[in-house]
PDB file of N, CA and C in Angstrom:
ATOM      1  N   MET A   1    -136.507  56.581  21.445  1.00  0.00           N
ATOM      2  CA  MET A   1    -136.680  57.395  22.628  1.00  0.00           C
ATOM      3  C   MET A   1    -137.036  58.832  22.268  1.00  0.00           C
ATOM      4  N   GLY A   2    -136.538  59.333  21.163  1.00  0.00           N
ATOM      5  CA  GLY A   2    -136.792  60.703  20.773  1.00  0.00           C
ATOM      6  C   GLY A   2    -138.258  60.962  20.461  1.00  0.00           C
ATOM      7  N   ILE A   3    -138.938  60.006  19.820  1.00  0.00           N
ATOM      8  CA  ILE A   3    -140.343  60.213  19.468  1.00  0.00           C
ATOM      9  C   ILE A   3    -141.219  60.195  20.714  1.00  0.00           C
ATOM     10  N   ILE A   4    -140.869  59.378  21.694  1.00  0.00           N
ATOM     11  CA  ILE A   4    -141.635  59.332  22.943  1.00  0.00           C
ATOM     12  C   ILE A   4    -141.473  60.644  23.701  1.00  0.00           C
ATOM     13  N   LEU A   5    -140.265  61.161  23.751  1.00  0.00           N
ATOM     14  CA  LEU A   5    -140.026  62.455  24.400  1.00  0.00           C
ATOM     15  C   LEU A   5    -140.772  63.568  23.668  1.00  0.00           C
ATOM     16  N   PHE A   6    -140.811  63.497  22.352  1.00  0.00           N
ATOM     17  CA  PHE A   6    -141.520  64.491  21.561  1.00  0.00           C
ATOM     18  C   PHE A   6    -143.020  64.450  21.857  1.00  0.00           C
ATOM     19  N   LEU A   7    -143.597  63.246  21.982  1.00  0.00           N
ATOM     20  CA  LEU A   7    -145.017  63.116  22.299  1.00  0.00           C
ATOM     21  C   LEU A   7    -145.322  63.598  23.712  1.00  0.00           C
ATOM     22  N   ILE A   8    -144.444  63.286  24.656  1.00  0.00           N
ATOM     23  CA  ILE A   8    -144.654  63.734  26.032  1.00  0.00           C
ATOM     24  C   ILE A   8    -144.570  65.252  26.110  1.00  0.00           C
ATOM     25  N   MET A   9    -143.593  65.845  25.431  1.00  0.00           N
ATOM     26  CA  MET A   9    -143.483  67.301  25.437  1.00  0.00           C
ATOM     27  C   MET A   9    -144.660  67.943  24.708  1.00  0.00           C
ATOM     28  N   GLY A  10    -145.183  67.276  23.687  1.00  0.00           N
ATOM     29  CA  GLY A  10    -146.380  67.768  23.010  1.00  0.00           C
ATOM     30  C   GLY A  10    -147.585  67.749  23.936  1.00  0.00           C
ATOM     31  N   LEU A  11    -147.707  66.691  24.730  1.00  0.00           N
ATOM     32  CA  LEU A  11    -148.794  66.608  25.702  1.00  0.00           C
ATOM     33  C   LEU A  11    -148.670  67.701  26.747  1.00  0.00           C
ATOM     34  N   VAL A  12    -147.467  67.913  27.260  1.00  0.00           N
ATOM     35  CA  VAL A  12    -147.252  68.951  28.275  1.00  0.00           C
ATOM     36  C   VAL A  12    -147.533  70.338  27.688  1.00  0.00           C
ATOM     37  N   ALA A  13    -147.048  70.586  26.479  1.00  0.00           N
ATOM     38  CA  ALA A  13    -147.291  71.882  25.837  1.00  0.00           C
ATOM     39  C   ALA A  13    -148.781  72.084  25.581  1.00  0.00           C
ATOM     40  N   GLY A  14    -149.480  71.039  25.169  1.00  0.00           N
ATOM     41  CA  GLY A  14    -150.915  71.134  24.943  1.00  0.00           C
ATOM     42  C   GLY A  14    -151.685  71.395  26.223  1.00  0.00           C
ATOM     43  N   LEU A  15    -151.292  70.728  27.302  1.00  0.00           N
ATOM     44  CA  LEU A  15    -151.960  70.943  28.586  1.00  0.00           C
ATOM     45  C   LEU A  15    -151.722  72.356  29.110  1.00  0.00           C
ATOM     46  N   ILE A  16    -150.498  72.839  28.995  1.00  0.00           N
ATOM     47  CA  ILE A  16    -150.200  74.201  29.453  1.00  0.00           C
ATOM     48  C   ILE A  16    -150.948  75.221  28.597  1.00  0.00           C
ATOM     49  N   ALA A  17    -150.988  74.989  27.285  1.00  0.00           N
ATOM     50  CA  ALA A  17    -151.698  75.913  26.400  1.00  0.00           C
ATOM     51  C   ALA A  17    -153.192  75.934  26.713  1.00  0.00           C
ATOM     52  N   ARG A  18    -153.764  74.757  26.998  1.00  0.00           N
ATOM     53  CA  ARG A  18    -155.189  74.724  27.353  1.00  0.00           C
ATOM     54  C   ARG A  18    -155.445  75.405  28.684  1.00  0.00           C
ATOM     55  N   ALA A  19    -154.496  75.357  29.610  1.00  0.00           N
ATOM     56  CA  ALA A  19    -154.659  76.025  30.896  1.00  0.00           C
ATOM     57  C   ALA A  19    -154.559  77.538  30.742  1.00  0.00           C
ATOM     58  N   ILE A  20    -153.732  78.005  29.817  1.00  0.00           N
ATOM     59  CA  ILE A  20    -153.545  79.446  29.618  1.00  0.00           C
ATOM     60  C   ILE A  20    -154.688  80.035  28.795  1.00  0.00           C
ATOM     61  N   MET A  21    -155.150  79.311  27.781  1.00  0.00           N
ATOM     62  CA  MET A  21    -156.169  79.825  26.867  1.00  0.00           C
ATOM     63  C   MET A  21    -157.506  80.001  27.592  1.00  0.00           C
ATOM     64  N   PRO A  22    -158.102  81.197  27.517  1.00  0.00           N
ATOM     65  CA  PRO A  22    -159.393  81.398  28.174  1.00  0.00           C
ATOM     66  C   PRO A  22    -160.510  80.624  27.470  1.00  0.00           C
ATOM     67  N   GLY A  23    -161.535  80.293  28.231  1.00  0.00           N
ATOM     68  CA  GLY A  23    -162.662  79.543  27.688  1.00  0.00           C
ATOM     69  C   GLY A  23    -162.444  78.058  27.863  1.00  0.00           C
ATOM     70  N   SER A  24    -163.427  77.298  27.436  1.00  0.00           N
ATOM     71  CA  SER A  24    -163.313  75.840  27.561  1.00  0.00           C
ATOM     72  C   SER A  24    -163.047  75.233  26.192  1.00  0.00           C
ATOM     73  N   GLN A  25    -162.096  74.348  26.166  1.00  0.00           N
ATOM     74  CA  GLN A  25    -161.795  73.602  24.956  1.00  0.00           C
ATOM     75  C   GLN A  25    -162.270  72.176  25.199  1.00  0.00           C
ATOM     76  N   LYS A  26    -163.263  71.760  24.471  1.00  0.00           N
ATOM     77  CA  LYS A  26    -163.831  70.435  24.658  1.00  0.00           C
ATOM     78  C   LYS A  26    -163.058  69.442  23.799  1.00  0.00           C
ATOM     79  N   MET A  27    -161.995  68.904  24.371  1.00  0.00           N
ATOM     80  CA  MET A  27    -161.191  67.918  23.662  1.00  0.00           C
ATOM     81  C   MET A  27    -160.591  66.964  24.687  1.00  0.00           C
ATOM     82  N   GLY A  28    -160.276  65.786  24.225  1.00  0.00           N
ATOM     83  CA  GLY A  28    -159.718  64.766  25.087  1.00  0.00           C
ATOM     84  C   GLY A  28    -158.199  64.841  25.149  1.00  0.00           C
ATOM     85  N   LEU A  29    -157.631  63.843  25.781  1.00  0.00           N
ATOM     86  CA  LEU A  29    -156.189  63.784  25.973  1.00  0.00           C
ATOM     87  C   LEU A  29    -155.446  63.594  24.649  1.00  0.00           C
ATOM     88  N   LEU A  30    -156.017  62.803  23.752  1.00  0.00           N
ATOM     89  CA  LEU A  30    -155.377  62.576  22.459  1.00  0.00           C
ATOM     90  C   LEU A  30    -155.381  63.849  21.616  1.00  0.00           C
ATOM     91  N   ALA A  31    -156.498  64.566  21.599  1.00  0.00           N
ATOM     92  CA  ALA A  31    -156.562  65.826  20.849  1.00  0.00           C
ATOM     93  C   ALA A  31    -155.632  66.868  21.458  1.00  0.00           C
ATOM     94  N   THR A  32    -155.510  66.873  22.788  1.00  0.00           N
ATOM     95  CA  THR A  32    -154.583  67.793  23.446  1.00  0.00           C
ATOM     96  C   THR A  32    -153.151  67.483  23.039  1.00  0.00           C
ATOM     97  N   THR A  33    -152.821  66.200  22.948  1.00  0.00           N
ATOM     98  CA  THR A  33    -151.479  65.803  22.520  1.00  0.00           C
ATOM     99  C   THR A  33    -151.226  66.224  21.077  1.00  0.00           C
ATOM    100  N   VAL A  34    -152.214  66.049  20.212  1.00  0.00           N
ATOM    101  CA  VAL A  34    -152.055  66.442  18.809  1.00  0.00           C
ATOM    102  C   VAL A  34    -151.863  67.957  18.701  1.00  0.00           C
ATOM    103  N   VAL A  35    -152.639  68.731  19.464  1.00  0.00           N
ATOM    104  CA  VAL A  35    -152.478  70.184  19.463  1.00  0.00           C
ATOM    105  C   VAL A  35    -151.073  70.550  19.943  1.00  0.00           C
ATOM    106  N   GLY A  36    -150.594  69.877  20.983  1.00  0.00           N
ATOM    107  CA  GLY A  36    -149.256  70.149  21.499  1.00  0.00           C
ATOM    108  C   GLY A  36    -148.161  69.784  20.517  1.00  0.00           C
ATOM    109  N   VAL A  37    -148.312  68.665  19.824  1.00  0.00           N
ATOM    110  CA  VAL A  37    -147.298  68.241  18.849  1.00  0.00           C
ATOM    111  C   VAL A  37    -147.278  69.190  17.656  1.00  0.00           C
ATOM    112  N   VAL A  38    -148.462  69.561  17.161  1.00  0.00           N
ATOM    113  CA  VAL A  38    -148.514  70.525  16.055  1.00  0.00           C
ATOM    114  C   VAL A  38    -147.946  71.868  16.513  1.00  0.00           C
ATOM    115  N   GLY A  39    -148.293  72.269  17.730  1.00  0.00           N
ATOM    116  CA  GLY A  39    -147.726  73.498  18.283  1.00  0.00           C
ATOM    117  C   GLY A  39    -146.226  73.415  18.453  1.00  0.00           C
ATOM    118  N   SER A  40    -145.721  72.227  18.775  1.00  0.00           N
ATOM    119  CA  SER A  40    -144.276  72.045  18.892  1.00  0.00           C
ATOM    120  C   SER A  40    -143.584  72.239  17.551  1.00  0.00           C
ATOM    121  N   PHE A  41    -144.200  71.705  16.497  1.00  0.00           N
ATOM    122  CA  PHE A  41    -143.625  71.917  15.167  1.00  0.00           C
ATOM    123  C   PHE A  41    -143.654  73.392  14.787  1.00  0.00           C
ATOM    124  N   VAL A  42    -144.795  74.034  15.014  1.00  0.00           N
ATOM    125  CA  VAL A  42    -144.921  75.451  14.666  1.00  0.00           C
ATOM    126  C   VAL A  42    -143.950  76.284  15.495  1.00  0.00           C
ATOM    127  N   GLY A  43    -143.979  76.084  16.814  1.00  0.00           N
ATOM    128  CA  GLY A  43    -143.104  76.855  17.696  1.00  0.00           C
ATOM    129  C   GLY A  43    -141.634  76.541  17.485  1.00  0.00           C
ATOM    130  N   GLY A  44    -141.310  75.281  17.243  1.00  0.00           N
ATOM    131  CA  GLY A  44    -139.925  74.913  16.979  1.00  0.00           C
ATOM    132  C   GLY A  44    -139.410  75.507  15.687  1.00  0.00           C
ATOM    133  N   PHE A  45    -140.270  75.579  14.689  1.00  0.00           N
ATOM    134  CA  PHE A  45    -139.869  76.186  13.418  1.00  0.00           C
ATOM    135  C   PHE A  45    -139.607  77.678  13.585  1.00  0.00           C
ATOM    136  N   VAL A  46    -140.517  78.364  14.282  1.00  0.00           N
ATOM    137  CA  VAL A  46    -140.330  79.804  14.493  1.00  0.00           C
ATOM    138  C   VAL A  46    -139.098  80.055  15.362  1.00  0.00           C
ATOM    139  N   ALA A  47    -138.904  79.251  16.407  1.00  0.00           N
ATOM    140  CA  ALA A  47    -137.731  79.422  17.270  1.00  0.00           C
ATOM    141  C   ALA A  47    -136.438  79.134  16.515  1.00  0.00           C
ATOM    142  N   SER A  48    -136.472  78.192  15.576  1.00  0.00           N
ATOM    143  CA  SER A  48    -135.256  77.883  14.811  1.00  0.00           C
ATOM    144  C   SER A  48    -134.891  79.005  13.849  1.00  0.00           C
ATOM    145  N   LEU A  49    -135.868  79.840  13.497  1.00  0.00           N
ATOM    146  CA  LEU A  49    -135.555  80.983  12.645  1.00  0.00           C
ATOM    147  C   LEU A  49    -134.719  82.026  13.374  1.00  0.00           C
ATOM    148  N   PHE A  50    -134.895  82.123  14.693  1.00  0.00           N
ATOM    149  CA  PHE A  50    -134.206  83.145  15.475  1.00  0.00           C
ATOM    150  C   PHE A  50    -133.012  82.615  16.260  1.00  0.00           C
ATOM    151  N   THR A  51    -132.876  81.308  16.387  1.00  0.00           N
ATOM    152  CA  THR A  51    -131.751  80.720  17.114  1.00  0.00           C
ATOM    153  C   THR A  51    -130.997  79.781  16.186  1.00  0.00           C
ATOM    154  N   HIS A  52    -129.928  79.221  16.676  1.00  0.00           N
ATOM    155  CA  HIS A  52    -129.141  78.284  15.878  1.00  0.00           C
ATOM    156  C   HIS A  52    -129.545  76.832  16.131  1.00  0.00           C
ATOM    157  N   HIS A  53    -130.622  76.612  16.899  1.00  0.00           N
ATOM    158  CA  HIS A  53    -131.071  75.257  17.222  1.00  0.00           C
ATOM    159  C   HIS A  53    -131.939  74.684  16.103  1.00  0.00           C
ATOM    160  N   SER A  54    -131.933  73.355  16.019  1.00  0.00           N
ATOM    161  CA  SER A  54    -132.769  72.655  15.053  1.00  0.00           C
ATOM    162  C   SER A  54    -134.206  72.592  15.562  1.00  0.00           C
ATOM    163  N   VAL A  55    -135.141  72.282  14.678  1.00  0.00           N
ATOM    164  CA  VAL A  55    -136.552  72.192  15.049  1.00  0.00           C
ATOM    165  C   VAL A  55    -136.778  71.050  16.038  1.00  0.00           C
ATOM    166  N   LEU A  56    -136.076  69.947  15.892  1.00  0.00           N
ATOM    167  CA  LEU A  56    -136.305  68.765  16.714  1.00  0.00           C
ATOM    168  C   LEU A  56    -135.410  68.694  17.946  1.00  0.00           C
ATOM    169  N   GLU A  57    -134.613  69.714  18.212  1.00  0.00           N
ATOM    170  CA  GLU A  57    -133.767  69.705  19.408  1.00  0.00           C
ATOM    171  C   GLU A  57    -134.585  70.039  20.644  1.00  0.00           C
ATOM    172  N   PHE A  58    -134.151  69.500  21.789  1.00  0.00           N
ATOM    173  CA  PHE A  58    -134.810  69.760  23.064  1.00  0.00           C
ATOM    174  C   PHE A  58    -134.058  70.887  23.761  1.00  0.00           C
ATOM    175  N   ASN A  59    -134.670  72.068  23.829  1.00  0.00           N
ATOM    176  CA  ASN A  59    -134.040  73.212  24.472  1.00  0.00           C
ATOM    177  C   ASN A  59    -135.119  74.145  25.021  1.00  0.00           C
ATOM    178  N   THR A  60    -134.706  75.156  25.774  1.00  0.00           N
ATOM    179  CA  THR A  60    -135.645  76.059  26.424  1.00  0.00           C
ATOM    180  C   THR A  60    -136.455  76.852  25.412  1.00  0.00           C
ATOM    181  N   SER A  61    -135.810  77.350  24.376  1.00  0.00           N
ATOM    182  CA  SER A  61    -136.564  78.109  23.373  1.00  0.00           C
ATOM    183  C   SER A  61    -137.569  77.218  22.658  1.00  0.00           C
ATOM    184  N   GLY A  62    -137.255  75.954  22.519  1.00  0.00           N
ATOM    185  CA  GLY A  62    -138.193  75.019  21.905  1.00  0.00           C
ATOM    186  C   GLY A  62    -139.404  74.756  22.779  1.00  0.00           C
ATOM    187  N   ILE A  63    -139.204  74.691  24.093  1.00  0.00           N
ATOM    188  CA  ILE A  63    -140.317  74.462  25.004  1.00  0.00           C
ATOM    189  C   ILE A  63    -141.244  75.671  25.019  1.00  0.00           C
ATOM    190  N   ILE A  64    -140.670  76.857  25.130  1.00  0.00           N
ATOM    191  CA  ILE A  64    -141.478  78.076  25.117  1.00  0.00           C
ATOM    192  C   ILE A  64    -142.157  78.230  23.759  1.00  0.00           C
ATOM    193  N   GLY A  65    -141.443  77.957  22.703  1.00  0.00           N
ATOM    194  CA  GLY A  65    -142.028  78.022  21.370  1.00  0.00           C
ATOM    195  C   GLY A  65    -143.130  76.999  21.179  1.00  0.00           C
ATOM    196  N   SER A  66    -142.986  75.822  21.796  1.00  0.00           N
ATOM    197  CA  SER A  66    -144.025  74.797  21.710  1.00  0.00           C
ATOM    198  C   SER A  66    -145.306  75.262  22.370  1.00  0.00           C
ATOM    199  N   ILE A  67    -145.178  75.891  23.527  1.00  0.00           N
ATOM    200  CA  ILE A  67    -146.363  76.391  24.232  1.00  0.00           C
ATOM    201  C   ILE A  67    -147.010  77.517  23.434  1.00  0.00           C
ATOM    202  N   LEU A  68    -146.202  78.441  22.911  1.00  0.00           N
ATOM    203  CA  LEU A  68    -146.749  79.532  22.105  1.00  0.00           C
ATOM    204  C   LEU A  68    -147.373  79.010  20.815  1.00  0.00           C
ATOM    205  N   GLY A  69    -146.747  78.009  20.211  1.00  0.00           N
ATOM    206  CA  GLY A  69    -147.320  77.405  19.006  1.00  0.00           C
ATOM    207  C   GLY A  69    -148.622  76.684  19.297  1.00  0.00           C
ATOM    208  N   ALA A  70    -148.697  75.988  20.435  1.00  0.00           N
ATOM    209  CA  ALA A  70    -149.934  75.312  20.817  1.00  0.00           C
ATOM    210  C   ALA A  70    -151.036  76.325  21.110  1.00  0.00           C
ATOM    211  N   LEU A  71    -150.671  77.466  21.710  1.00  0.00           N
ATOM    212  CA  LEU A  71    -151.651  78.532  21.925  1.00  0.00           C
ATOM    213  C   LEU A  71    -152.185  79.054  20.595  1.00  0.00           C
ATOM    214  N   ALA A  72    -151.297  79.218  19.633  1.00  0.00           N
ATOM    215  CA  ALA A  72    -151.724  79.685  18.304  1.00  0.00           C
ATOM    216  C   ALA A  72    -152.653  78.665  17.642  1.00  0.00           C
ATOM    217  N   VAL A  73    -152.328  77.382  17.762  1.00  0.00           N
ATOM    218  CA  VAL A  73    -153.174  76.340  17.177  1.00  0.00           C
ATOM    219  C   VAL A  73    -154.538  76.317  17.867  1.00  0.00           C
ATOM    220  N   LEU A  74    -154.566  76.450  19.195  1.00  0.00           N
ATOM    221  CA  LEU A  74    -155.841  76.496  19.917  1.00  0.00           C
ATOM    222  C   LEU A  74    -156.666  77.708  19.506  1.00  0.00           C
ATOM    223  N   PHE A  75    -156.012  78.847  19.319  1.00  0.00           N
ATOM    224  CA  PHE A  75    -156.718  80.049  18.892  1.00  0.00           C
ATOM    225  C   PHE A  75    -157.342  79.848  17.512  1.00  0.00           C
ATOM    226  N   ILE A  76    -156.588  79.287  16.598  1.00  0.00           N
ATOM    227  CA  ILE A  76    -157.092  79.046  15.247  1.00  0.00           C
ATOM    228  C   ILE A  76    -158.223  78.027  15.273  1.00  0.00           C
ATOM    229  N   MET A  77    -158.080  76.983  16.080  1.00  0.00           N
ATOM    230  CA  MET A  77    -159.146  75.984  16.200  1.00  0.00           C
ATOM    231  C   MET A  77    -160.410  76.605  16.789  1.00  0.00           C
ATOM    232  N   GLY A  78    -160.256  77.447  17.802  1.00  0.00           N
ATOM    233  CA  GLY A  78    -161.404  78.107  18.411  1.00  0.00           C
ATOM    234  C   GLY A  78    -162.091  79.050  17.444  1.00  0.00           C
ATOM    235  N   TYR A  79    -161.321  79.748  16.647  1.00  0.00           N
ATOM    236  CA  TYR A  79    -161.882  80.663  15.659  1.00  0.00           C
ATOM    237  C   TYR A  79    -162.593  79.894  14.541  1.00  0.00           C
ATOM    238  N   ALA A  80    -162.012  78.764  14.134  1.00  0.00           N
ATOM    239  CA  ALA A  80    -162.594  77.981  13.043  1.00  0.00           C
ATOM    240  C   ALA A  80    -163.875  77.274  13.465  1.00  0.00           C
ATOM    241  N   THR A  81    -163.998  76.896  14.722  1.00  0.00           N
ATOM    242  CA  THR A  81    -165.177  76.163  15.194  1.00  0.00           C
ATOM    243  C   THR A  81    -166.156  77.064  15.933  1.00  0.00           C
ATOM    244  N   ARG A  82    -165.966  78.365  15.881  1.00  0.00           N
ATOM    245  CA  ARG A  82    -166.843  79.306  16.567  1.00  0.00           C
ATOM    246  C   ARG A  82    -168.235  79.246  15.953  1.00  0.00           C
ATOM    247  N   GLY A  83    -169.244  79.195  16.822  1.00  0.00           N
ATOM    248  CA  GLY A  83    -170.624  79.223  16.359  1.00  0.00           C
ATOM    249  C   GLY A  83    -171.199  77.878  15.962  1.00  0.00           C
ATOM    250  N   ARG A  84    -170.418  76.832  16.006  1.00  0.00           N
ATOM    251  CA  ARG A  84    -170.934  75.512  15.653  1.00  0.00           C
ATOM    252  C   ARG A  84    -171.665  74.927  16.848  1.00  0.00           C
ATOM    253  N   THR A  85    -172.706  74.185  16.569  1.00  0.00           N
ATOM    254  CA  THR A  85    -173.428  73.483  17.622  1.00  0.00           C
ATOM    255  C   THR A  85    -173.108  72.006  17.522  1.00  0.00           C
ATOM    256  N   TYR A  86    -173.041  71.377  18.662  1.00  0.00           N
ATOM    257  CA  TYR A  86    -172.700  69.972  18.723  1.00  0.00           C
ATOM    258  C   TYR A  86    -173.890  69.193  19.264  1.00  0.00           C
ATOM    259  N   ALA A  87    -174.111  68.014  18.725  1.00  0.00           N
ATOM    260  CA  ALA A  87    -175.208  67.162  19.180  1.00  0.00           C
ATOM    261  C   ALA A  87    -174.881  66.576  20.543  1.00  0.00           C
ATOM    262  N   ARG A  88    -175.865  66.530  21.383  1.00  0.00           N
ATOM    263  CA  ARG A  88    -175.665  65.930  22.713  1.00  0.00           C
ATOM    264  C   ARG A  88    -176.024  64.455  22.642  1.00  0.00           C
ATOM    265  N   VAL A  89    -175.208  63.668  23.268  1.00  0.00           N
ATOM    266  CA  VAL A  89    -175.433  62.221  23.251  1.00  0.00           C
ATOM    267  C   VAL A  89    -175.959  61.781  24.571  1.00  0.00           C
TER     268      VAL A  89
END
């Protein structure tokens, strides 16, 4: 049950981060979930440095940290893929 909750929270964090981040992010639901899960790890790690909670615990600081981490991952992805052209199918 914990892994399913983690994936759902990753999806929610990814969706919120994509809604907050300006510009268009051309990615599907699976990529959004991956961004949210990676952001959850990043945000949970940073939040655990300042609180007594574990990285994998479900708490308010973890949710906010997940969204902030997903925003950071989206920013890095946008910066890394800036200027690339994609083939149209």
